[in-house]
Amino acid sequence: MGGKSRDEDSGEFTETYPLEDFLDSLEEIGPTGTTDIADRVGCDRRTAYIKLQSLEEEGVVQSQKIGNALLWELTD
């Protein structure tokens, strides 16, 4: 299963790229694009986009379309 690994003790799956990694990246570098966040977290662009969309649905981040790119930033 891509993006998840199984904990040896509990047998439960854990995320390889926790949402906190994406929030930490935005906090450290400020508003930026999907590719920059993916590079910082160490995942592919598609994974970053999906995670950031999830955070946007929760109201934690917001996006703004600039040209062909999305600029992501933390909400106030």
PDB file of N, CA and C in Angstrom:
ATOM      1  N   MET A   1       0.849  -1.191   0.000  1.00  0.00           N
ATOM      2  CA  MET A   1       0.000   0.000   0.000  1.00  0.00           C
ATOM      3  C   MET A   1       0.881   1.235   0.000  1.00  0.00           C
ATOM      4  N   GLY A   2       0.768   2.052  -1.016  1.00  0.00           N
ATOM      5  CA  GLY A   2       1.560   3.257  -1.093  1.00  0.00           C
ATOM      6  C   GLY A   2       1.168   4.267  -0.037  1.00  0.00           C
ATOM      7  N   GLY A   3       2.183   4.878   0.567  1.00  0.00           N
ATOM      8  CA  GLY A   3       1.921   5.922   1.543  1.00  0.00           C
ATOM      9  C   GLY A   3       1.623   5.445   2.945  1.00  0.00           C
ATOM     10  N   LYS A   4       1.590   4.130   3.152  1.00  0.00           N
ATOM     11  CA  LYS A   4       1.312   3.626   4.495  1.00  0.00           C
ATOM     12  C   LYS A   4       2.240   2.456   4.795  1.00  0.00           C
ATOM     13  N   SER A   5       2.541   2.308   6.066  1.00  0.00           N
ATOM     14  CA  SER A   5       3.314   1.150   6.499  1.00  0.00           C
ATOM     15  C   SER A   5       2.641   0.575   7.731  1.00  0.00           C
ATOM     16  N   ARG A   6       2.906  -0.689   7.995  1.00  0.00           N
ATOM     17  CA  ARG A   6       2.250  -1.357   9.114  1.00  0.00           C
ATOM     18  C   ARG A   6       3.161  -1.302  10.343  1.00  0.00           C
ATOM     19  N   ASP A   7       2.590  -0.878  11.466  1.00  0.00           N
ATOM     20  CA  ASP A   7       3.299  -0.878  12.737  1.00  0.00           C
ATOM     21  C   ASP A   7       3.484  -2.324  13.180  1.00  0.00           C
ATOM     22  N   GLU A   8       4.713  -2.712  13.480  1.00  0.00           N
ATOM     23  CA  GLU A   8       4.995  -4.105  13.828  1.00  0.00           C
ATOM     24  C   GLU A   8       4.323  -4.550  15.117  1.00  0.00           C
ATOM     25  N   ASP A   9       4.199  -3.651  16.083  1.00  0.00           N
ATOM     26  CA  ASP A   9       3.606  -4.020  17.366  1.00  0.00           C
ATOM     27  C   ASP A   9       2.083  -4.092  17.318  1.00  0.00           C
ATOM     28  N   SER A  10       1.459  -3.062  16.771  1.00  0.00           N
ATOM     29  CA  SER A  10      -0.001  -3.009  16.796  1.00  0.00           C
ATOM     30  C   SER A  10      -0.640  -3.633  15.558  1.00  0.00           C
ATOM     31  N   GLY A  11       0.110  -3.725  14.472  1.00  0.00           N
ATOM     32  CA  GLY A  11      -0.445  -4.238  13.235  1.00  0.00           C
ATOM     33  C   GLY A  11      -1.258  -3.207  12.476  1.00  0.00           C
ATOM     34  N   GLU A  12      -1.356  -1.977  13.012  1.00  0.00           N
ATOM     35  CA  GLU A  12      -2.123  -0.917  12.363  1.00  0.00           C
ATOM     36  C   GLU A  12      -1.266  -0.214  11.319  1.00  0.00           C
ATOM     37  N   PHE A  13      -1.946   0.302  10.306  1.00  0.00           N
ATOM     38  CA  PHE A  13      -1.246   1.071   9.286  1.00  0.00           C
ATOM     39  C   PHE A  13      -1.005   2.483   9.790  1.00  0.00           C
ATOM     40  N   THR A  14       0.164   3.028   9.467  1.00  0.00           N
ATOM     41  CA  THR A  14       0.488   4.410   9.797  1.00  0.00           C
ATOM     42  C   THR A  14       0.825   5.132   8.503  1.00  0.00           C
ATOM     43  N   GLU A  15       0.510   6.418   8.462  1.00  0.00           N
ATOM     44  CA  GLU A  15       0.780   7.198   7.268  1.00  0.00           C
ATOM     45  C   GLU A  15       2.260   7.501   7.150  1.00  0.00           C
ATOM     46  N   THR A  16       2.780   7.391   5.928  1.00  0.00           N
ATOM     47  CA  THR A  16       4.161   7.739   5.671  1.00  0.00           C
ATOM     48  C   THR A  16       4.343   9.248   5.685  1.00  0.00           C
ATOM     49  N   TYR A  17       3.342   9.970   5.231  1.00  0.00           N
ATOM     50  CA  TYR A  17       3.403  11.428   5.159  1.00  0.00           C
ATOM     51  C   TYR A  17       2.283  12.030   6.002  1.00  0.00           C
ATOM     52  N   PRO A  18       2.518  12.207   7.291  1.00  0.00           N
ATOM     53  CA  PRO A  18       1.474  12.762   8.164  1.00  0.00           C
ATOM     54  C   PRO A  18       1.116  14.198   7.765  1.00  0.00           C
ATOM     55  N   LEU A  19      -0.111  14.573   8.015  1.00  0.00           N
ATOM     56  CA  LEU A  19      -0.568  15.922   7.688  1.00  0.00           C
ATOM     57  C   LEU A  19       0.273  16.988   8.380  1.00  0.00           C
ATOM     58  N   GLU A  20       0.805  16.675   9.541  1.00  0.00           N
ATOM     59  CA  GLU A  20       1.624  17.630  10.279  1.00  0.00           C
ATOM     60  C   GLU A  20       2.856  18.043   9.478  1.00  0.00           C
ATOM     61  N   ASP A  21       3.397  17.128   8.658  1.00  0.00           N
ATOM     62  CA  ASP A  21       4.563  17.455   7.830  1.00  0.00           C
ATOM     63  C   ASP A  21       4.230  18.562   6.833  1.00  0.00           C
ATOM     64  N   PHE A  22       3.021  18.537   6.305  1.00  0.00           N
ATOM     65  CA  PHE A  22       2.612  19.547   5.338  1.00  0.00           C
ATOM     66  C   PHE A  22       2.384  20.889   6.032  1.00  0.00           C
ATOM     67  N   LEU A  23       1.784  20.839   7.213  1.00  0.00           N
ATOM     68  CA  LEU A  23       1.580  22.069   7.982  1.00  0.00           C
ATOM     69  C   LEU A  23       2.907  22.671   8.416  1.00  0.00           C
ATOM     70  N   ASP A  24       3.832  21.830   8.864  1.00  0.00           N
ATOM     71  CA  ASP A  24       5.158  22.309   9.265  1.00  0.00           C
ATOM     72  C   ASP A  24       5.875  22.977   8.095  1.00  0.00           C
ATOM     73  N   SER A  25       5.760  22.393   6.920  1.00  0.00           N
ATOM     74  CA  SER A  25       6.397  22.965   5.730  1.00  0.00           C
ATOM     75  C   SER A  25       5.844  24.345   5.424  1.00  0.00           C
ATOM     76  N   LEU A  26       4.536  24.477   5.469  1.00  0.00           N
ATOM     77  CA  LEU A  26       3.929  25.778   5.205  1.00  0.00           C
ATOM     78  C   LEU A  26       4.300  26.797   6.271  1.00  0.00           C
ATOM     79  N   GLU A  27       4.397  26.353   7.499  1.00  0.00           N
ATOM     80  CA  GLU A  27       4.778  27.261   8.579  1.00  0.00           C
ATOM     81  C   GLU A  27       6.211  27.749   8.390  1.00  0.00           C
ATOM     82  N   GLU A  28       7.092  26.856   7.957  1.00  0.00           N
ATOM     83  CA  GLU A  28       8.503  27.200   7.784  1.00  0.00           C
ATOM     84  C   GLU A  28       8.760  28.071   6.560  1.00  0.00           C
ATOM     85  N   ILE A  29       8.133  27.755   5.423  1.00  0.00           N
ATOM     86  CA  ILE A  29       8.463  28.479   4.193  1.00  0.00           C
ATOM     87  C   ILE A  29       7.407  29.475   3.751  1.00  0.00           C
ATOM     88  N   GLY A  30       6.256  29.460   4.389  1.00  0.00           N
ATOM     89  CA  GLY A  30       5.199  30.393   4.036  1.00  0.00           C
ATOM     90  C   GLY A  30       4.445  29.946   2.800  1.00  0.00           C
ATOM     91  N   PRO A  31       3.628  30.839   2.246  1.00  0.00           N
ATOM     92  CA  PRO A  31       2.820  30.493   1.079  1.00  0.00           C
ATOM     93  C   PRO A  31       3.702  29.993  -0.066  1.00  0.00           C
ATOM     94  N   THR A  32       3.316  28.875  -0.659  1.00  0.00           N
ATOM     95  CA  THR A  32       4.124  28.278  -1.720  1.00  0.00           C
ATOM     96  C   THR A  32       3.292  27.313  -2.547  1.00  0.00           C
ATOM     97  N   GLY A  33       3.883  26.786  -3.586  1.00  0.00           N
ATOM     98  CA  GLY A  33       3.194  25.880  -4.496  1.00  0.00           C
ATOM     99  C   GLY A  33       3.253  24.430  -4.061  1.00  0.00           C
ATOM    100  N   THR A  34       2.456  23.624  -4.709  1.00  0.00           N
ATOM    101  CA  THR A  34       2.349  22.204  -4.395  1.00  0.00           C
ATOM    102  C   THR A  34       3.685  21.484  -4.553  1.00  0.00           C
ATOM    103  N   THR A  35       4.402  21.763  -5.626  1.00  0.00           N
ATOM    104  CA  THR A  35       5.680  21.092  -5.885  1.00  0.00           C
ATOM    105  C   THR A  35       6.702  21.410  -4.806  1.00  0.00           C
ATOM    106  N   ASP A  36       6.760  22.667  -4.369  1.00  0.00           N
ATOM    107  CA  ASP A  36       7.703  23.046  -3.307  1.00  0.00           C
ATOM    108  C   ASP A  36       7.408  22.297  -2.016  1.00  0.00           C
ATOM    109  N   ILE A  37       6.138  22.161  -1.696  1.00  0.00           N
ATOM    110  CA  ILE A  37       5.755  21.434  -0.480  1.00  0.00           C
ATOM    111  C   ILE A  37       6.090  19.954  -0.626  1.00  0.00           C
ATOM    112  N   ALA A  38       5.798  19.380  -1.780  1.00  0.00           N
ATOM    113  CA  ALA A  38       6.110  17.970  -2.033  1.00  0.00           C
ATOM    114  C   ALA A  38       7.610  17.721  -1.884  1.00  0.00           C
ATOM    115  N   ASP A  39       8.429  18.608  -2.437  1.00  0.00           N
ATOM    116  CA  ASP A  39       9.879  18.463  -2.319  1.00  0.00           C
ATOM    117  C   ASP A  39      10.325  18.530  -0.858  1.00  0.00           C
ATOM    118  N   ARG A  40       9.736  19.435  -0.126  1.00  0.00           N
ATOM    119  CA  ARG A  40      10.112  19.618   1.291  1.00  0.00           C
ATOM    120  C   ARG A  40       9.718  18.399   2.136  1.00  0.00           C
ATOM    121  N   VAL A  41       8.527  17.851   1.878  1.00  0.00           N
ATOM    122  CA  VAL A  41       8.032  16.699   2.640  1.00  0.00           C
ATOM    123  C   VAL A  41       8.703  15.405   2.171  1.00  0.00           C
ATOM    124  N   GLY A  42       9.070  15.364   0.878  1.00  0.00           N
ATOM    125  CA  GLY A  42       9.712  14.169   0.339  1.00  0.00           C
ATOM    126  C   GLY A  42       8.743  13.204  -0.316  1.00  0.00           C
ATOM    127  N   CYS A  43       7.621  13.735  -0.802  1.00  0.00           N
ATOM    128  CA  CYS A  43       6.630  12.891  -1.466  1.00  0.00           C
ATOM    129  C   CYS A  43       6.449  13.386  -2.901  1.00  0.00           C
ATOM    130  N   ASP A  44       5.652  12.658  -3.674  1.00  0.00           N
ATOM    131  CA  ASP A  44       5.402  13.133  -5.029  1.00  0.00           C
ATOM    132  C   ASP A  44       4.336  14.227  -5.002  1.00  0.00           C
ATOM    133  N   ARG A  45       4.255  14.961  -6.102  1.00  0.00           N
ATOM    134  CA  ARG A  45       3.368  16.112  -6.191  1.00  0.00           C
ATOM    135  C   ARG A  45       1.902  15.727  -5.991  1.00  0.00           C
ATOM    136  N   ARG A  46       1.493  14.604  -6.541  1.00  0.00           N
ATOM    137  CA  ARG A  46       0.102  14.150  -6.427  1.00  0.00           C
ATOM    138  C   ARG A  46      -0.272  13.879  -4.971  1.00  0.00           C
ATOM    139  N   THR A  47       0.623  13.242  -4.228  1.00  0.00           N
ATOM    140  CA  THR A  47       0.377  12.980  -2.809  1.00  0.00           C
ATOM    141  C   THR A  47       0.232  14.290  -2.048  1.00  0.00           C
ATOM    142  N   ALA A  48       1.119  15.240  -2.331  1.00  0.00           N
ATOM    143  CA  ALA A  48       1.049  16.545  -1.660  1.00  0.00           C
ATOM    144  C   ALA A  48      -0.278  17.234  -1.974  1.00  0.00           C
ATOM    145  N   TYR A  49      -0.689  17.181  -3.224  1.00  0.00           N
ATOM    146  CA  TYR A  49      -1.939  17.825  -3.629  1.00  0.00           C
ATOM    147  C   TYR A  49      -3.131  17.229  -2.881  1.00  0.00           C
ATOM    148  N   ILE A  50      -3.176  15.917  -2.789  1.00  0.00           N
ATOM    149  CA  ILE A  50      -4.278  15.242  -2.090  1.00  0.00           C
ATOM    150  C   ILE A  50      -4.291  15.618  -0.607  1.00  0.00           C
ATOM    151  N   LYS A  51      -3.115  15.605   0.009  1.00  0.00           N
ATOM    152  CA  LYS A  51      -3.027  15.956   1.436  1.00  0.00           C
ATOM    153  C   LYS A  51      -3.435  17.415   1.664  1.00  0.00           C
ATOM    154  N   LEU A  52      -2.970  18.312   0.793  1.00  0.00           N
ATOM    155  CA  LEU A  52      -3.298  19.725   0.942  1.00  0.00           C
ATOM    156  C   LEU A  52      -4.784  19.976   0.715  1.00  0.00           C
ATOM    157  N   GLN A  53      -5.389  19.263  -0.225  1.00  0.00           N
ATOM    158  CA  GLN A  53      -6.837  19.373  -0.429  1.00  0.00           C
ATOM    159  C   GLN A  53      -7.585  18.955   0.837  1.00  0.00           C
ATOM    160  N   SER A  54      -7.122  17.885   1.468  1.00  0.00           N
ATOM    161  CA  SER A  54      -7.738  17.406   2.701  1.00  0.00           C
ATOM    162  C   SER A  54      -7.644  18.472   3.793  1.00  0.00           C
ATOM    163  N   LEU A  55      -6.488  19.096   3.904  1.00  0.00           N
ATOM    164  CA  LEU A  55      -6.313  20.156   4.894  1.00  0.00           C
ATOM    165  C   LEU A  55      -7.168  21.376   4.572  1.00  0.00           C
ATOM    166  N   GLU A  56      -7.366  21.631   3.279  1.00  0.00           N
ATOM    167  CA  GLU A  56      -8.214  22.759   2.884  1.00  0.00           C
ATOM    168  C   GLU A  56      -9.675  22.483   3.243  1.00  0.00           C
ATOM    169  N   GLU A  57     -10.121  21.261   3.061  1.00  0.00           N
ATOM    170  CA  GLU A  57     -11.490  20.895   3.424  1.00  0.00           C
ATOM    171  C   GLU A  57     -11.728  21.060   4.922  1.00  0.00           C
ATOM    172  N   GLU A  58     -10.672  20.854   5.720  1.00  0.00           N
ATOM    173  CA  GLU A  58     -10.773  21.031   7.170  1.00  0.00           C
ATOM    174  C   GLU A  58     -10.662  22.500   7.573  1.00  0.00           C
ATOM    175  N   GLY A  59     -10.309  23.371   6.630  1.00  0.00           N
ATOM    176  CA  GLY A  59     -10.184  24.794   6.912  1.00  0.00           C
ATOM    177  C   GLY A  59      -8.858  25.192   7.523  1.00  0.00           C
ATOM    178  N   VAL A  60      -7.873  24.311   7.447  1.00  0.00           N
ATOM    179  CA  VAL A  60      -6.560  24.578   8.052  1.00  0.00           C
ATOM    180  C   VAL A  60      -5.650  25.330   7.093  1.00  0.00           C
ATOM    181  N   VAL A  61      -5.786  25.056   5.797  1.00  0.00           N
ATOM    182  CA  VAL A  61      -5.027  25.770   4.770  1.00  0.00           C
ATOM    183  C   VAL A  61      -6.007  26.286   3.731  1.00  0.00           C
ATOM    184  N   GLN A  62      -5.516  27.215   2.931  1.00  0.00           N
ATOM    185  CA  GLN A  62      -6.325  27.720   1.825  1.00  0.00           C
ATOM    186  C   GLN A  62      -5.441  27.814   0.592  1.00  0.00           C
ATOM    187  N   SER A  63      -6.085  27.756  -0.563  1.00  0.00           N
ATOM    188  CA  SER A  63      -5.336  27.833  -1.813  1.00  0.00           C
ATOM    189  C   SER A  63      -5.844  28.988  -2.653  1.00  0.00           C
ATOM    190  N   GLN A  64      -4.952  29.459  -3.511  1.00  0.00           N
ATOM    191  CA  GLN A  64      -5.298  30.516  -4.440  1.00  0.00           C
ATOM    192  C   GLN A  64      -4.666  30.157  -5.781  1.00  0.00           C
ATOM    193  N   LYS A  65      -5.450  30.190  -6.839  1.00  0.00           N
ATOM    194  CA  LYS A  65      -4.940  29.846  -8.163  1.00  0.00           C
ATOM    195  C   LYS A  65      -4.222  31.059  -8.737  1.00  0.00           C
ATOM    196  N   ILE A  66      -2.968  30.838  -9.117  1.00  0.00           N
ATOM    197  CA  ILE A  66      -2.166  31.879  -9.748  1.00  0.00           C
ATOM    198  C   ILE A  66      -1.614  31.279 -11.034  1.00  0.00           C
ATOM    199  N   GLY A  67      -2.128  31.726 -12.164  1.00  0.00           N
ATOM    200  CA  GLY A  67      -1.748  31.129 -13.445  1.00  0.00           C
ATOM    201  C   GLY A  67      -2.210  29.696 -13.472  1.00  0.00           C
ATOM    202  N   ASN A  68      -1.266  28.775 -13.711  1.00  0.00           N
ATOM    203  CA  ASN A  68      -1.586  27.344 -13.731  1.00  0.00           C
ATOM    204  C   ASN A  68      -1.261  26.654 -12.410  1.00  0.00           C
ATOM    205  N   ALA A  69      -0.852  27.410 -11.414  1.00  0.00           N
ATOM    206  CA  ALA A  69      -0.410  26.824 -10.152  1.00  0.00           C
ATOM    207  C   ALA A  69      -1.343  27.206  -9.006  1.00  0.00           C
ATOM    208  N   LEU A  70      -1.305  26.401  -7.946  1.00  0.00           N
ATOM    209  CA  LEU A  70      -2.012  26.739  -6.711  1.00  0.00           C
ATOM    210  C   LEU A  70      -0.998  27.198  -5.685  1.00  0.00           C
ATOM    211  N   LEU A  71      -1.298  28.287  -5.031  1.00  0.00           N
ATOM    212  CA  LEU A  71      -0.492  28.792  -3.933  1.00  0.00           C
ATOM    213  C   LEU A  71      -1.193  28.403  -2.652  1.00  0.00           C
ATOM    214  N   TRP A  72      -0.512  27.646  -1.801  1.00  0.00           N
ATOM    215  CA  TRP A  72      -1.081  27.172  -0.540  1.00  0.00           C
ATOM    216  C   TRP A  72      -0.553  28.003   0.605  1.00  0.00           C
ATOM    217  N   GLU A  73      -1.416  28.266   1.587  1.00  0.00           N
ATOM    218  CA  GLU A  73      -0.986  28.970   2.805  1.00  0.00           C
ATOM    219  C   GLU A  73      -1.865  28.555   3.970  1.00  0.00           C
ATOM    220  N   LEU A  74      -1.328  28.732   5.167  1.00  0.00           N
ATOM    221  CA  LEU A  74      -2.079  28.446   6.378  1.00  0.00           C
ATOM    222  C   LEU A  74      -3.181  29.482   6.536  1.00  0.00           C
ATOM    223  N   THR A  75      -4.313  29.066   7.066  1.00  0.00           N
ATOM    224  CA  THR A  75      -5.391  30.019   7.340  1.00  0.00           C
ATOM    225  C   THR A  75      -5.072  30.730   8.649  1.00  0.00           C
ATOM    226  N   ASP A  76      -5.693  31.881   8.831  1.00  0.00           N
ATOM    227  CA  ASP A  76      -5.466  32.654  10.061  1.00  0.00           C
ATOM    228  C   ASP A  76      -6.153  32.044  11.242  1.00  0.00           C
TER     229      ASP A  76
END
